[in-house]
Amino acid sequence: MVPTCIDADRAAAAAVNRRTLSGYVKLPNYQNYWIEAGFEEEMLAIRKAIAAGEEQRIPELMSDRWLSEVTLYGSPAQVREGIEAWYAAGVNTLIVVPSSARGNQMAALQELIDLYR
């Protein structure tokens, strides 16, 4: 499952995905997975922030590198390219979970449908 936010404002779309994943990065099982996937620096920084009672820092500790590897976000063209890259890497079933920077879940679903119109 890949959190996805389609928006020409790439920073706004990234912020949506950071909010979506902020709960997941607090969980040790997800942290361990992402450490194994090559994001040790990010996950150890998040663990340290949690231990220090600084959970408000978590979004800033979710690096652009990490976010770009585990989510899809940006303009329709950028998201389409990202989907194609997952398939090119050998992913056969990509579950895209849309969120919207401009509306509710129905708006996000429509943005996803419009992606291939």
N, C-alpha and C. Protein backbone atom coordinates (compact mmCIF):
# COMPACT_ATOMS: atom_id res chain seq x y z
N MET A 1 0.85 -1.18 0.00
CA MET A 1 0.00 0.00 0.00
C MET A 1 0.89 1.23 0.00
N VAL A 2 0.65 2.09 -0.96
CA VAL A 2 1.49 3.28 -1.12
C VAL A 2 0.64 4.53 -0.93
N PRO A 3 0.87 5.27 0.16
CA PRO A 3 0.16 6.55 0.33
C PRO A 3 0.46 7.45 -0.87
N THR A 4 -0.59 8.08 -1.38
CA THR A 4 -0.47 8.86 -2.60
C THR A 4 -1.25 10.16 -2.46
N CYS A 5 -0.62 11.25 -2.87
CA CYS A 5 -1.30 12.55 -2.89
C CYS A 5 -0.95 13.25 -4.20
N ILE A 6 -1.96 13.51 -5.00
CA ILE A 6 -1.78 14.15 -6.29
C ILE A 6 -2.09 15.63 -6.14
N ASP A 7 -1.09 16.46 -6.37
CA ASP A 7 -1.28 17.90 -6.28
C ASP A 7 -0.11 18.59 -6.95
N ALA A 8 -0.38 19.60 -7.73
CA ALA A 8 0.69 20.35 -8.39
C ALA A 8 1.63 21.00 -7.38
N ASP A 9 1.11 21.29 -6.20
CA ASP A 9 1.92 21.83 -5.11
C ASP A 9 2.59 20.65 -4.41
N ARG A 10 3.79 20.31 -4.85
CA ARG A 10 4.49 19.13 -4.36
C ARG A 10 4.71 19.18 -2.84
N ALA A 11 5.01 20.36 -2.32
CA ALA A 11 5.23 20.50 -0.87
C ALA A 11 3.94 20.21 -0.10
N ALA A 12 2.81 20.67 -0.60
CA ALA A 12 1.53 20.39 0.06
C ALA A 12 1.23 18.90 0.02
N ALA A 13 1.50 18.27 -1.11
CA ALA A 13 1.27 16.83 -1.24
C ALA A 13 2.19 16.04 -0.31
N ALA A 14 3.44 16.47 -0.20
CA ALA A 14 4.39 15.81 0.71
C ALA A 14 3.91 15.93 2.15
N ALA A 15 3.40 17.09 2.50
CA ALA A 15 2.91 17.31 3.87
C ALA A 15 1.75 16.37 4.19
N VAL A 16 0.88 16.13 3.22
CA VAL A 16 -0.23 15.20 3.42
C VAL A 16 0.32 13.80 3.69
N ASN A 17 1.28 13.36 2.90
CA ASN A 17 1.84 12.02 3.10
C ASN A 17 2.60 11.92 4.42
N ARG A 18 3.25 12.99 4.82
CA ARG A 18 3.91 12.97 6.13
C ARG A 18 2.87 12.80 7.25
N ARG A 19 1.76 13.51 7.15
CA ARG A 19 0.69 13.35 8.15
C ARG A 19 0.15 11.92 8.13
N THR A 20 -0.06 11.39 6.94
CA THR A 20 -0.58 10.03 6.81
C THR A 20 0.33 9.02 7.49
N LEU A 21 1.63 9.18 7.35
CA LEU A 21 2.57 8.19 7.87
C LEU A 21 3.11 8.51 9.27
N SER A 22 2.72 9.64 9.84
CA SER A 22 3.28 10.01 11.14
C SER A 22 2.96 8.98 12.22
N GLY A 23 1.81 8.37 12.18
CA GLY A 23 1.48 7.34 13.15
C GLY A 23 2.27 6.05 12.93
N TYR A 24 2.50 5.72 11.68
CA TYR A 24 3.22 4.49 11.36
C TYR A 24 4.68 4.55 11.80
N VAL A 25 5.33 5.71 11.63
CA VAL A 25 6.75 5.78 11.98
C VAL A 25 6.98 5.73 13.48
N LYS A 26 5.93 5.83 14.26
CA LYS A 26 6.05 5.71 15.72
C LYS A 26 6.09 4.24 16.16
N LEU A 27 5.71 3.34 15.28
CA LEU A 27 5.59 1.92 15.63
C LEU A 27 6.90 1.17 15.37
N PRO A 28 7.41 0.47 16.36
CA PRO A 28 8.69 -0.23 16.20
C PRO A 28 8.74 -1.19 15.02
N ASN A 29 7.65 -1.89 14.72
CA ASN A 29 7.69 -2.83 13.60
C ASN A 29 7.90 -2.10 12.27
N TYR A 30 7.26 -0.96 12.09
CA TYR A 30 7.49 -0.17 10.88
C TYR A 30 8.89 0.43 10.88
N GLN A 31 9.33 0.92 12.03
CA GLN A 31 10.69 1.47 12.11
C GLN A 31 11.70 0.40 11.70
N ASN A 32 11.54 -0.81 12.23
CA ASN A 32 12.47 -1.89 11.89
C ASN A 32 12.44 -2.21 10.40
N TYR A 33 11.25 -2.22 9.82
CA TYR A 33 11.14 -2.46 8.38
C TYR A 33 11.90 -1.40 7.60
N TRP A 34 11.69 -0.13 7.95
CA TRP A 34 12.34 0.93 7.20
C TRP A 34 13.84 0.98 7.48
N ILE A 35 14.28 0.57 8.63
CA ILE A 35 15.71 0.46 8.89
C ILE A 35 16.31 -0.58 7.93
N GLU A 36 15.65 -1.73 7.84
CA GLU A 36 16.12 -2.79 6.93
C GLU A 36 16.09 -2.34 5.47
N ALA A 37 15.18 -1.43 5.16
CA ALA A 37 15.05 -0.94 3.79
C ALA A 37 16.05 0.18 3.47
N GLY A 38 16.88 0.56 4.44
CA GLY A 38 17.91 1.55 4.17
C GLY A 38 17.67 2.93 4.74
N PHE A 39 16.73 3.05 5.65
CA PHE A 39 16.41 4.36 6.23
C PHE A 39 16.71 4.40 7.72
N GLU A 40 17.87 3.86 8.08
CA GLU A 40 18.26 3.79 9.48
C GLU A 40 18.38 5.18 10.11
N GLU A 41 19.01 6.10 9.42
CA GLU A 41 19.22 7.44 9.97
C GLU A 41 17.89 8.10 10.35
N GLU A 42 16.93 8.02 9.45
CA GLU A 42 15.63 8.63 9.70
C GLU A 42 14.92 7.96 10.88
N MET A 43 14.91 6.64 10.89
CA MET A 43 14.17 5.93 11.94
C MET A 43 14.83 6.08 13.31
N LEU A 44 16.16 6.10 13.36
CA LEU A 44 16.82 6.30 14.65
C LEU A 44 16.58 7.71 15.17
N ALA A 45 16.53 8.69 14.27
CA ALA A 45 16.22 10.06 14.68
C ALA A 45 14.79 10.15 15.21
N ILE A 46 13.88 9.44 14.58
CA ILE A 46 12.49 9.43 15.04
C ILE A 46 12.39 8.74 16.40
N ARG A 47 13.08 7.63 16.57
CA ARG A 47 13.08 6.96 17.87
C ARG A 47 13.61 7.89 18.96
N LYS A 48 14.67 8.61 18.64
CA LYS A 48 15.26 9.53 19.62
C LYS A 48 14.27 10.64 19.97
N ALA A 49 13.57 11.17 18.98
CA ALA A 49 12.59 12.23 19.23
C ALA A 49 11.45 11.71 20.11
N ILE A 50 10.99 10.50 19.84
CA ILE A 50 9.92 9.90 20.65
C ILE A 50 10.39 9.74 22.09
N ALA A 51 11.59 9.22 22.27
CA ALA A 51 12.13 9.00 23.62
C ALA A 51 12.29 10.31 24.38
N ALA A 52 12.57 11.38 23.66
CA ALA A 52 12.76 12.69 24.29
C ALA A 52 11.44 13.44 24.47
N GLY A 53 10.33 12.82 24.07
CA GLY A 53 9.04 13.49 24.18
C GLY A 53 8.85 14.60 23.17
N GLU A 54 9.53 14.48 22.03
CA GLU A 54 9.49 15.52 20.99
C GLU A 54 8.79 15.01 19.73
N GLU A 55 7.64 14.39 19.90
CA GLU A 55 6.93 13.81 18.76
C GLU A 55 6.54 14.86 17.71
N GLN A 56 6.41 16.11 18.10
CA GLN A 56 6.08 17.16 17.15
C GLN A 56 7.16 17.32 16.08
N ARG A 57 8.36 16.81 16.34
CA ARG A 57 9.47 16.90 15.38
C ARG A 57 9.41 15.80 14.32
N ILE A 58 8.55 14.82 14.50
CA ILE A 58 8.54 13.67 13.59
C ILE A 58 8.40 14.08 12.12
N PRO A 59 7.48 14.95 11.74
CA PRO A 59 7.37 15.28 10.31
C PRO A 59 8.68 15.81 9.70
N GLU A 60 9.42 16.60 10.45
CA GLU A 60 10.68 17.14 9.91
C GLU A 60 11.76 16.07 9.82
N LEU A 61 11.61 14.99 10.58
CA LEU A 61 12.59 13.90 10.56
C LEU A 61 12.31 12.88 9.46
N MET A 62 11.15 12.99 8.84
CA MET A 62 10.79 12.13 7.71
C MET A 62 11.41 12.75 6.46
N SER A 63 12.60 12.31 6.11
CA SER A 63 13.36 12.95 5.04
C SER A 63 12.64 12.89 3.70
N ASP A 64 12.98 13.83 2.84
CA ASP A 64 12.45 13.81 1.47
C ASP A 64 12.85 12.52 0.77
N ARG A 65 14.06 12.06 1.01
CA ARG A 65 14.54 10.81 0.41
C ARG A 65 13.64 9.65 0.81
N TRP A 66 13.36 9.54 2.11
CA TRP A 66 12.49 8.49 2.61
C TRP A 66 11.08 8.62 2.03
N LEU A 67 10.53 9.83 2.10
CA LEU A 67 9.17 10.06 1.64
C LEU A 67 9.03 9.72 0.15
N SER A 68 10.03 10.07 -0.64
CA SER A 68 9.98 9.79 -2.07
C SER A 68 10.07 8.31 -2.39
N GLU A 69 10.66 7.54 -1.51
CA GLU A 69 10.79 6.10 -1.73
C GLU A 69 9.58 5.31 -1.26
N VAL A 70 8.85 5.81 -0.28
CA VAL A 70 7.76 5.02 0.31
C VAL A 70 6.37 5.57 0.00
N THR A 71 6.29 6.72 -0.66
CA THR A 71 5.00 7.28 -1.04
C THR A 71 5.08 7.82 -2.46
N LEU A 72 3.92 8.20 -2.97
CA LEU A 72 3.84 8.89 -4.26
C LEU A 72 3.19 10.24 -4.00
N TYR A 73 3.75 11.30 -4.58
CA TYR A 73 3.16 12.62 -4.39
C TYR A 73 3.69 13.58 -5.44
N GLY A 74 2.89 14.60 -5.69
CA GLY A 74 3.26 15.62 -6.66
C GLY A 74 2.22 15.74 -7.75
N SER A 75 2.64 16.29 -8.86
CA SER A 75 1.74 16.51 -9.99
C SER A 75 1.25 15.17 -10.55
N PRO A 76 0.19 15.21 -11.34
CA PRO A 76 -0.26 13.97 -11.97
C PRO A 76 0.86 13.26 -12.74
N ALA A 77 1.66 14.01 -13.47
CA ALA A 77 2.75 13.39 -14.23
C ALA A 77 3.77 12.73 -13.29
N GLN A 78 4.09 13.39 -12.18
CA GLN A 78 5.05 12.82 -11.23
C GLN A 78 4.51 11.54 -10.60
N VAL A 79 3.23 11.53 -10.27
CA VAL A 79 2.64 10.34 -9.66
C VAL A 79 2.57 9.21 -10.68
N ARG A 80 2.18 9.51 -11.92
CA ARG A 80 2.17 8.47 -12.96
C ARG A 80 3.57 7.89 -13.16
N GLU A 81 4.58 8.74 -13.20
CA GLU A 81 5.96 8.27 -13.34
C GLU A 81 6.34 7.38 -12.16
N GLY A 82 5.92 7.76 -10.97
CA GLY A 82 6.21 6.96 -9.78
C GLY A 82 5.54 5.59 -9.84
N ILE A 83 4.30 5.56 -10.29
CA ILE A 83 3.60 4.28 -10.43
C ILE A 83 4.32 3.41 -11.45
N GLU A 84 4.70 3.99 -12.56
CA GLU A 84 5.42 3.23 -13.59
C GLU A 84 6.75 2.71 -13.06
N ALA A 85 7.41 3.49 -12.22
CA ALA A 85 8.69 3.06 -11.64
C ALA A 85 8.51 1.85 -10.72
N TRP A 86 7.43 1.84 -9.93
CA TRP A 86 7.15 0.68 -9.07
C TRP A 86 6.96 -0.57 -9.92
N TYR A 87 6.17 -0.43 -11.01
CA TYR A 87 5.96 -1.59 -11.89
C TYR A 87 7.26 -2.02 -12.56
N ALA A 88 8.05 -1.06 -12.99
CA ALA A 88 9.34 -1.39 -13.63
C ALA A 88 10.28 -2.09 -12.66
N ALA A 89 10.12 -1.81 -11.35
CA ALA A 89 10.96 -2.45 -10.33
C ALA A 89 10.49 -3.86 -10.02
N GLY A 90 9.36 -4.27 -10.61
CA GLY A 90 8.89 -5.63 -10.41
C GLY A 90 7.68 -5.79 -9.52
N VAL A 91 7.11 -4.68 -9.06
CA VAL A 91 5.89 -4.76 -8.26
C VAL A 91 4.74 -5.10 -9.19
N ASN A 92 4.03 -6.17 -8.89
CA ASN A 92 2.92 -6.60 -9.75
C ASN A 92 1.57 -6.04 -9.32
N THR A 93 1.39 -5.85 -8.03
CA THR A 93 0.13 -5.34 -7.51
C THR A 93 0.43 -4.15 -6.61
N LEU A 94 0.22 -2.98 -7.15
CA LEU A 94 0.46 -1.75 -6.41
C LEU A 94 -0.87 -1.24 -5.88
N ILE A 95 -0.97 -1.12 -4.58
CA ILE A 95 -2.19 -0.59 -3.97
C ILE A 95 -1.94 0.87 -3.63
N VAL A 96 -2.55 1.74 -4.41
CA VAL A 96 -2.39 3.17 -4.25
C VAL A 96 -3.50 3.66 -3.32
N VAL A 97 -3.10 4.29 -2.21
CA VAL A 97 -4.06 4.78 -1.22
C VAL A 97 -4.07 6.30 -1.30
N PRO A 98 -5.12 6.87 -1.92
CA PRO A 98 -5.11 8.31 -2.16
C PRO A 98 -5.56 9.14 -0.96
N SER A 99 -4.93 10.29 -0.82
CA SER A 99 -5.35 11.36 0.08
C SER A 99 -5.28 12.64 -0.73
N SER A 100 -5.98 13.65 -0.30
CA SER A 100 -6.02 14.90 -1.06
C SER A 100 -5.50 16.06 -0.22
N ALA A 101 -4.78 16.95 -0.88
CA ALA A 101 -4.33 18.18 -0.22
C ALA A 101 -5.42 19.24 -0.29
N ARG A 102 -6.46 19.00 -1.08
CA ARG A 102 -7.47 20.02 -1.33
C ARG A 102 -8.89 19.62 -0.93
N GLY A 103 -9.06 18.37 -0.51
CA GLY A 103 -10.43 17.95 -0.20
C GLY A 103 -10.46 16.70 0.64
N ASN A 104 -11.61 16.06 0.64
CA ASN A 104 -11.81 14.86 1.44
C ASN A 104 -11.40 13.60 0.66
N GLN A 105 -11.76 12.46 1.21
CA GLN A 105 -11.38 11.19 0.59
C GLN A 105 -12.02 11.01 -0.79
N MET A 106 -13.22 11.51 -0.98
CA MET A 106 -13.87 11.42 -2.29
C MET A 106 -13.11 12.26 -3.31
N ALA A 107 -12.62 13.42 -2.89
CA ALA A 107 -11.82 14.25 -3.79
C ALA A 107 -10.54 13.52 -4.16
N ALA A 108 -9.93 12.86 -3.19
CA ALA A 108 -8.70 12.11 -3.45
C ALA A 108 -8.95 10.99 -4.44
N LEU A 109 -10.05 10.29 -4.29
CA LEU A 109 -10.38 9.22 -5.22
C LEU A 109 -10.60 9.77 -6.62
N GLN A 110 -11.28 10.90 -6.73
CA GLN A 110 -11.50 11.51 -8.04
C GLN A 110 -10.18 11.93 -8.67
N GLU A 111 -9.26 12.48 -7.87
CA GLU A 111 -7.94 12.87 -8.39
C GLU A 111 -7.21 11.65 -8.94
N LEU A 112 -7.35 10.53 -8.28
CA LEU A 112 -6.72 9.29 -8.74
C LEU A 112 -7.36 8.81 -10.04
N ILE A 113 -8.68 8.86 -10.12
CA ILE A 113 -9.37 8.47 -11.35
C ILE A 113 -8.95 9.37 -12.50
N ASP A 114 -8.88 10.68 -12.24
CA ASP A 114 -8.49 11.65 -13.27
C ASP A 114 -7.05 11.46 -13.74
N LEU A 115 -6.26 10.79 -12.94
CA LEU A 115 -4.85 10.57 -13.29
C LEU A 115 -4.69 9.87 -14.64
N TYR A 116 -5.65 9.02 -14.99
CA TYR A 116 -5.53 8.25 -16.23
C TYR A 116 -6.64 8.57 -17.24
N ARG A 117 -7.27 9.69 -17.09
CA ARG A 117 -8.28 10.11 -18.08
C ARG A 117 -7.64 10.72 -19.27
